[in-house]
Amino acid sequence: MTFNGLSYPFAPSYTMAQDRESPPADFESYVQQLYKSNGVIYALMAVRQRLFSEARLQFQRMNGGRPGELFGTTDLGILERPWPGGTTGDLLSRMILNADLAGNWFGTIIDDEIVSLRPDWTDIVLAPRVGANGGMVGKKKVGYIYYEGGKSPDGGTLSGEQPEPFLADEVAHFAPYPDPIASYRGMSWLTPVVRSIQADGMAERHK
């Protein structure tokens, strides 16, 4: 919908192909019309981001099934310095922002640094799961495909670059709010309240 020169998403646009779960097509609209234009939503997300980014990632010993002391090793180095000049807090901030706005954060390691994959440019690739009697029982995740610049109608990328495939174990996927109609994709917590936010914005502009 367009009102007063601004575009508003009325509902998340998901693609449910047979072989993949595609992300919502309204990620950029959420960023521009909610996160960057709505003071209340920005304040809520800023508080969530500041709290989430304070976490520190550690291993924990288990003693007889009971949680023990925390400790770190060099294996956590990539999380402490995810990219040149980056910190754990920077990584977690990116994760929660993408998860809040798109329901998903995707990351992979390239050249010894963590690279965030823009959620609306990333598809989750699925394959049939076969049961003991030969029947199909849902789908299993086998990998991801990243489309730099977004996916074009012919299945390529809008940037003209080659789509980049990843195996399932090559991508970290953070989706704190599962989408009930998807097996692996997450859902933005803004989705249930977006209509109320839009109505408030339109009423304010009308006034």
C-alpha atoms as a PDB file:
ATOM      1  CA  MET A   1       0.000   0.000   0.000  1.00  0.00           C
ATOM      2  CA  THR A   2       1.135   3.560  -0.727  1.00  0.00           C
ATOM      3  CA  PHE A   3      -0.029   6.489   1.395  1.00  0.00           C
ATOM      4  CA  ASN A   4       1.226  10.065   1.309  1.00  0.00           C
ATOM      5  CA  GLY A   5       4.158   9.091  -0.852  1.00  0.00           C
ATOM      6  CA  LEU A   6       5.350   6.268   1.433  1.00  0.00           C
ATOM      7  CA  SER A   7       5.030   2.514   0.873  1.00  0.00           C
ATOM      8  CA  TYR A   8       3.762   0.254   3.657  1.00  0.00           C
ATOM      9  CA  PRO A   9       3.921  -3.578   3.743  1.00  0.00           C
ATOM     10  CA  PHE A  10       0.561  -4.957   4.863  1.00  0.00           C
ATOM     11  CA  ALA A  11       1.696  -8.538   5.362  1.00  0.00           C
ATOM     12  CA  PRO A  12       4.983 -10.433   5.022  1.00  0.00           C
ATOM     13  CA  SER A  13       5.483 -11.812   1.516  1.00  0.00           C
ATOM     14  CA  TYR A  14       6.960 -15.303   1.845  1.00  0.00           C
ATOM     15  CA  THR A  15       7.868 -17.652  -0.962  1.00  0.00           C
ATOM     16  CA  MET A  16       7.316 -21.354  -0.318  1.00  0.00           C
ATOM     17  CA  ALA A  17       8.840 -23.281  -3.214  1.00  0.00           C
ATOM     18  CA  GLN A  18       9.047 -27.064  -3.193  1.00  0.00           C
ATOM     19  CA  ASP A  19      12.819 -27.072  -2.753  1.00  0.00           C
ATOM     20  CA  ARG A  20      13.449 -24.024  -0.543  1.00  0.00           C
ATOM     21  CA  GLU A  21      12.215 -21.597   2.089  1.00  0.00           C
ATOM     22  CA  SER A  22      12.728 -18.050   0.887  1.00  0.00           C
ATOM     23  CA  PRO A  23      12.902 -15.051   3.207  1.00  0.00           C
ATOM     24  CA  PRO A  24      10.296 -12.296   3.533  1.00  0.00           C
ATOM     25  CA  ALA A  25      10.362  -9.806   0.688  1.00  0.00           C
ATOM     26  CA  ASP A  26       9.569  -6.887   2.991  1.00  0.00           C
ATOM     27  CA  PHE A  27      12.852  -6.727   4.943  1.00  0.00           C
ATOM     28  CA  GLU A  28      13.851  -3.418   3.379  1.00  0.00           C
ATOM     29  CA  SER A  29      10.375  -1.973   4.004  1.00  0.00           C
ATOM     30  CA  TYR A  30      10.638  -2.922   7.676  1.00  0.00           C
ATOM     31  CA  VAL A  31      14.049  -1.225   7.858  1.00  0.00           C
ATOM     32  CA  GLN A  32      12.956   1.988   6.137  1.00  0.00           C
ATOM     33  CA  GLN A  33       9.372   2.399   7.407  1.00  0.00           C
ATOM     34  CA  LEU A  34       9.632   0.893  10.915  1.00  0.00           C
ATOM     35  CA  TYR A  35      13.223   0.893  12.194  1.00  0.00           C
ATOM     36  CA  LYS A  36      14.364   4.160  10.582  1.00  0.00           C
ATOM     37  CA  SER A  37      11.068   6.069  10.647  1.00  0.00           C
ATOM     38  CA  ASN A  38       9.258   5.026  13.832  1.00  0.00           C
ATOM     39  CA  GLY A  39      10.743   6.381  17.067  1.00  0.00           C
ATOM     40  CA  VAL A  40       8.966   3.879  19.311  1.00  0.00           C
ATOM     41  CA  ILE A  41      10.079   0.847  17.293  1.00  0.00           C
ATOM     42  CA  TYR A  42      13.639   2.172  17.066  1.00  0.00           C
ATOM     43  CA  ALA A  43      13.767   2.728  20.845  1.00  0.00           C
ATOM     44  CA  LEU A  44      12.475  -0.798  21.553  1.00  0.00           C
ATOM     45  CA  MET A  45      14.977  -2.355  19.189  1.00  0.00           C
ATOM     46  CA  ALA A  46      17.827  -0.210  20.522  1.00  0.00           C
ATOM     47  CA  VAL A  47      17.182  -1.465  24.072  1.00  0.00           C
ATOM     48  CA  ARG A  48      17.059  -5.076  22.849  1.00  0.00           C
ATOM     49  CA  GLN A  49      20.261  -4.560  20.871  1.00  0.00           C
ATOM     50  CA  ARG A  50      22.190  -3.008  23.770  1.00  0.00           C
ATOM     51  CA  LEU A  51      21.196  -5.826  26.126  1.00  0.00           C
ATOM     52  CA  PHE A  52      21.848  -8.626  23.637  1.00  0.00           C
ATOM     53  CA  SER A  53      25.246  -7.211  22.600  1.00  0.00           C
ATOM     54  CA  GLU A  54      26.502  -7.361  26.202  1.00  0.00           C
ATOM     55  CA  ALA A  55      26.558 -11.182  26.148  1.00  0.00           C
ATOM     56  CA  ARG A  56      29.922 -12.919  26.125  1.00  0.00           C
ATOM     57  CA  LEU A  57      30.281 -16.316  24.490  1.00  0.00           C
ATOM     58  CA  GLN A  58      31.912 -18.978  26.669  1.00  0.00           C
ATOM     59  CA  PHE A  59      32.053 -22.724  27.104  1.00  0.00           C
ATOM     60  CA  GLN A  60      30.616 -24.229  30.296  1.00  0.00           C
ATOM     61  CA  ARG A  61      31.755 -27.353  32.085  1.00  0.00           C
ATOM     62  CA  MET A  62      29.150 -29.958  33.030  1.00  0.00           C
ATOM     63  CA  ASN A  63      29.774 -31.782  36.310  1.00  0.00           C
ATOM     64  CA  GLY A  64      27.534 -34.796  36.717  1.00  0.00           C
ATOM     65  CA  GLY A  65      24.863 -33.162  34.590  1.00  0.00           C
ATOM     66  CA  ARG A  66      25.078 -29.888  36.511  1.00  0.00           C
ATOM     67  CA  PRO A  67      26.344 -26.633  34.981  1.00  0.00           C
ATOM     68  CA  GLY A  68      29.856 -25.779  36.160  1.00  0.00           C
ATOM     69  CA  GLU A  69      32.329 -22.961  35.621  1.00  0.00           C
ATOM     70  CA  LEU A  70      32.628 -20.944  32.431  1.00  0.00           C
ATOM     71  CA  PHE A  71      35.849 -20.964  30.437  1.00  0.00           C
ATOM     72  CA  GLY A  72      37.219 -19.820  27.107  1.00  0.00           C
ATOM     73  CA  THR A  73      39.653 -21.268  24.583  1.00  0.00           C
ATOM     74  CA  THR A  74      41.285 -20.100  21.369  1.00  0.00           C
ATOM     75  CA  ASP A  75      38.405 -21.763  19.495  1.00  0.00           C
ATOM     76  CA  LEU A  76      36.283 -18.754  20.464  1.00  0.00           C
ATOM     77  CA  GLY A  77      38.696 -16.334  18.798  1.00  0.00           C
ATOM     78  CA  ILE A  78      36.579 -15.978  15.637  1.00  0.00           C
ATOM     79  CA  LEU A  79      33.625 -14.890  17.803  1.00  0.00           C
ATOM     80  CA  GLU A  80      35.716 -12.405  19.791  1.00  0.00           C
ATOM     81  CA  ARG A  81      37.184 -10.844  16.614  1.00  0.00           C
ATOM     82  CA  PRO A  82      34.618 -11.731  13.934  1.00  0.00           C
ATOM     83  CA  TRP A  83      36.120  -9.321  11.368  1.00  0.00           C
ATOM     84  CA  PRO A  84      38.924  -6.736  11.383  1.00  0.00           C
ATOM     85  CA  GLY A  85      38.099  -4.187  14.077  1.00  0.00           C
ATOM     86  CA  GLY A  86      34.941  -6.071  15.073  1.00  0.00           C
ATOM     87  CA  THR A  87      34.011  -7.396  18.519  1.00  0.00           C
ATOM     88  CA  THR A  88      31.567  -9.921  19.933  1.00  0.00           C
ATOM     89  CA  GLY A  89      29.222  -7.031  20.694  1.00  0.00           C
ATOM     90  CA  ASP A  90      29.327  -5.884  17.058  1.00  0.00           C
ATOM     91  CA  LEU A  91      28.503  -9.401  15.870  1.00  0.00           C
ATOM     92  CA  LEU A  92      25.626  -9.812  18.321  1.00  0.00           C
ATOM     93  CA  SER A  93      24.220  -6.398  17.382  1.00  0.00           C
ATOM     94  CA  ARG A  94      24.057  -7.437  13.731  1.00  0.00           C
ATOM     95  CA  MET A  95      22.491 -10.744  14.669  1.00  0.00           C
ATOM     96  CA  ILE A  96      19.655  -9.294  16.747  1.00  0.00           C
ATOM     97  CA  LEU A  97      18.905  -6.500  14.240  1.00  0.00           C
ATOM     98  CA  ASN A  98      18.515  -8.948  11.377  1.00  0.00           C
ATOM     99  CA  ALA A  99      16.538 -11.354  13.526  1.00  0.00           C
ATOM    100  CA  ASP A 100      14.210  -8.580  14.727  1.00  0.00           C
ATOM    101  CA  LEU A 101      13.566  -7.174  11.248  1.00  0.00           C
ATOM    102  CA  ALA A 102      13.660 -10.325   9.104  1.00  0.00           C
ATOM    103  CA  GLY A 103      13.307 -13.149  11.625  1.00  0.00           C
ATOM    104  CA  ASN A 104      16.657 -14.569  10.541  1.00  0.00           C
ATOM    105  CA  TRP A 105      20.382 -13.929  10.714  1.00  0.00           C
ATOM    106  CA  PHE A 106      22.732 -15.924   8.485  1.00  0.00           C
ATOM    107  CA  GLY A 107      26.504 -15.922   8.817  1.00  0.00           C
ATOM    108  CA  THR A 108      29.395 -17.830   7.302  1.00  0.00           C
ATOM    109  CA  ILE A 109      33.196 -17.763   7.562  1.00  0.00           C
ATOM    110  CA  ILE A 110      35.121 -16.481   4.526  1.00  0.00           C
ATOM    111  CA  ASP A 111      38.828 -15.630   4.671  1.00  0.00           C
ATOM    112  CA  ASP A 112      38.903 -16.123   8.465  1.00  0.00           C
ATOM    113  CA  GLU A 113      36.136 -13.626   9.219  1.00  0.00           C
ATOM    114  CA  ILE A 114      32.406 -13.931   9.863  1.00  0.00           C
ATOM    115  CA  VAL A 115      30.355 -12.569   6.985  1.00  0.00           C
ATOM    116  CA  SER A 116      26.694 -11.714   7.585  1.00  0.00           C
ATOM    117  CA  LEU A 117      24.452 -12.759   4.691  1.00  0.00           C
ATOM    118  CA  ARG A 118      21.626 -10.298   4.130  1.00  0.00           C
ATOM    119  CA  PRO A 119      18.515 -12.266   5.155  1.00  0.00           C
ATOM    120  CA  ASP A 120      16.288 -11.252   2.233  1.00  0.00           C
ATOM    121  CA  TRP A 121      18.997 -12.374  -0.208  1.00  0.00           C
ATOM    122  CA  THR A 122      19.367 -15.872   1.307  1.00  0.00           C
ATOM    123  CA  ASP A 123      17.303 -18.992   0.545  1.00  0.00           C
ATOM    124  CA  ILE A 124      17.205 -22.130   2.681  1.00  0.00           C
ATOM    125  CA  VAL A 125      17.536 -25.154   0.363  1.00  0.00           C
ATOM    126  CA  LEU A 126      15.414 -28.198   1.213  1.00  0.00           C
ATOM    127  CA  ALA A 127      15.256 -31.844   0.156  1.00  0.00           C
ATOM    128  CA  PRO A 128      12.568 -34.502   0.811  1.00  0.00           C
ATOM    129  CA  ARG A 129      12.928 -36.506   4.017  1.00  0.00           C
ATOM    130  CA  VAL A 130      12.061 -40.159   3.486  1.00  0.00           C
ATOM    131  CA  GLY A 131      10.593 -42.239   6.307  1.00  0.00           C
ATOM    132  CA  ALA A 132      11.252 -45.880   7.158  1.00  0.00           C
ATOM    133  CA  ASN A 133       8.447 -47.070   4.861  1.00  0.00           C
ATOM    134  CA  GLY A 134       9.507 -44.944   1.914  1.00  0.00           C
ATOM    135  CA  GLY A 135       7.011 -42.130   2.410  1.00  0.00           C
ATOM    136  CA  MET A 136       7.902 -38.473   2.461  1.00  0.00           C
ATOM    137  CA  VAL A 137       7.996 -36.895   5.927  1.00  0.00           C
ATOM    138  CA  GLY A 138       8.516 -33.159   5.488  1.00  0.00           C
ATOM    139  CA  LYS A 139      11.744 -31.603   4.242  1.00  0.00           C
ATOM    140  CA  LYS A 140      15.302 -31.537   5.562  1.00  0.00           C
ATOM    141  CA  LYS A 141      17.726 -28.640   5.286  1.00  0.00           C
ATOM    142  CA  VAL A 142      20.616 -29.346   2.933  1.00  0.00           C
ATOM    143  CA  GLY A 143      22.099 -25.900   2.397  1.00  0.00           C
ATOM    144  CA  TYR A 144      21.688 -22.242   1.544  1.00  0.00           C
ATOM    145  CA  ILE A 145      21.920 -20.076  -1.582  1.00  0.00           C
ATOM    146  CA  TYR A 146      22.964 -16.420  -1.356  1.00  0.00           C
ATOM    147  CA  TYR A 147      21.944 -13.980  -4.107  1.00  0.00           C
ATOM    148  CA  GLU A 148      24.094 -10.833  -4.061  1.00  0.00           C
ATOM    149  CA  GLY A 149      21.771  -7.876  -4.685  1.00  0.00           C
ATOM    150  CA  GLY A 150      18.694 -10.079  -4.454  1.00  0.00           C
ATOM    151  CA  LYS A 151      17.180 -12.795  -6.629  1.00  0.00           C
ATOM    152  CA  SER A 152      16.193 -11.971 -10.193  1.00  0.00           C
ATOM    153  CA  PRO A 153      13.073 -13.471 -11.837  1.00  0.00           C
ATOM    154  CA  ASP A 154      15.221 -15.888 -13.854  1.00  0.00           C
ATOM    155  CA  GLY A 155      16.832 -17.319 -10.708  1.00  0.00           C
ATOM    156  CA  GLY A 156      20.063 -15.349 -10.969  1.00  0.00           C
ATOM    157  CA  THR A 157      21.085 -12.286  -9.008  1.00  0.00           C
ATOM    158  CA  LEU A 158      20.059  -8.686  -9.569  1.00  0.00           C
ATOM    159  CA  SER A 159      23.716  -7.673  -9.329  1.00  0.00           C
ATOM    160  CA  GLY A 160      24.712  -9.990 -12.163  1.00  0.00           C
ATOM    161  CA  GLU A 161      26.966 -12.030  -9.875  1.00  0.00           C
ATOM    162  CA  GLN A 162      26.785 -15.808  -9.641  1.00  0.00           C
ATOM    163  CA  PRO A 163      24.537 -17.119  -6.798  1.00  0.00           C
ATOM    164  CA  GLU A 164      26.714 -18.565  -4.033  1.00  0.00           C
ATOM    165  CA  PRO A 165      25.681 -21.965  -2.577  1.00  0.00           C
ATOM    166  CA  PHE A 166      26.634 -23.151   0.910  1.00  0.00           C
ATOM    167  CA  LEU A 167      26.273 -26.515   2.615  1.00  0.00           C
ATOM    168  CA  ALA A 168      24.077 -26.630   5.715  1.00  0.00           C
ATOM    169  CA  ASP A 169      27.068 -26.824   8.082  1.00  0.00           C
ATOM    170  CA  GLU A 170      28.786 -23.837   6.447  1.00  0.00           C
ATOM    171  CA  VAL A 171      26.191 -21.303   7.607  1.00  0.00           C
ATOM    172  CA  ALA A 172      25.155 -20.295  11.126  1.00  0.00           C
ATOM    173  CA  HIS A 173      21.422 -19.564  11.227  1.00  0.00           C
ATOM    174  CA  PHE A 174      19.921 -17.594  14.131  1.00  0.00           C
ATOM    175  CA  ALA A 175      16.102 -17.539  14.149  1.00  0.00           C
ATOM    176  CA  PRO A 176      14.826 -16.885  17.699  1.00  0.00           C
ATOM    177  CA  TYR A 177      11.140 -16.688  16.652  1.00  0.00           C
ATOM    178  CA  PRO A 178      10.212 -19.679  14.457  1.00  0.00           C
ATOM    179  CA  ASP A 179       7.715 -19.190  11.659  1.00  0.00           C
ATOM    180  CA  PRO A 180       4.906 -21.712  12.388  1.00  0.00           C
ATOM    181  CA  ILE A 181       4.366 -22.488   8.685  1.00  0.00           C
ATOM    182  CA  ALA A 182       8.048 -23.107   7.951  1.00  0.00           C
ATOM    183  CA  SER A 183      10.439 -25.819   9.071  1.00  0.00           C
ATOM    184  CA  TYR A 184      13.554 -23.670   9.501  1.00  0.00           C
ATOM    185  CA  ARG A 185      12.797 -20.030   8.685  1.00  0.00           C
ATOM    186  CA  GLY A 186      12.238 -17.503  11.466  1.00  0.00           C
ATOM    187  CA  MET A 187       9.665 -14.709  11.727  1.00  0.00           C
ATOM    188  CA  SER A 188      10.097 -11.083  12.759  1.00  0.00           C
ATOM    189  CA  TRP A 189       8.437 -10.171  16.057  1.00  0.00           C
ATOM    190  CA  LEU A 190       7.216  -7.021  14.260  1.00  0.00           C
ATOM    191  CA  THR A 191       4.985  -9.029  11.915  1.00  0.00           C
ATOM    192  CA  PRO A 192       2.005  -9.392  14.326  1.00  0.00           C
ATOM    193  CA  VAL A 193       1.995  -5.664  15.165  1.00  0.00           C
ATOM    194  CA  VAL A 194       2.828  -4.118  11.789  1.00  0.00           C
ATOM    195  CA  ARG A 195      -0.817  -3.275  10.992  1.00  0.00           C
ATOM    196  CA  SER A 196      -1.209  -1.380  14.271  1.00  0.00           C
ATOM    197  CA  ILE A 197       2.051   0.484  13.628  1.00  0.00           C
ATOM    198  CA  GLN A 198       0.876   1.433  10.137  1.00  0.00           C
ATOM    199  CA  ALA A 199      -2.502   2.608  11.445  1.00  0.00           C
ATOM    200  CA  ASP A 200      -0.833   4.807  14.066  1.00  0.00           C
ATOM    201  CA  GLY A 201       1.477   6.293  11.449  1.00  0.00           C
ATOM    202  CA  MET A 202      -1.341   7.053   9.029  1.00  0.00           C
ATOM    203  CA  ALA A 203      -3.462   8.592  11.789  1.00  0.00           C
ATOM    204  CA  GLU A 204      -0.548  10.820  12.812  1.00  0.00           C
ATOM    205  CA  ARG A 205       0.011  11.982   9.239  1.00  0.00           C
ATOM    206  CA  HIS A 206      -3.703  12.630   8.760  1.00  0.00           C
ATOM    207  CA  LYS A 207      -3.797  14.744  11.934  1.00  0.00           C
END
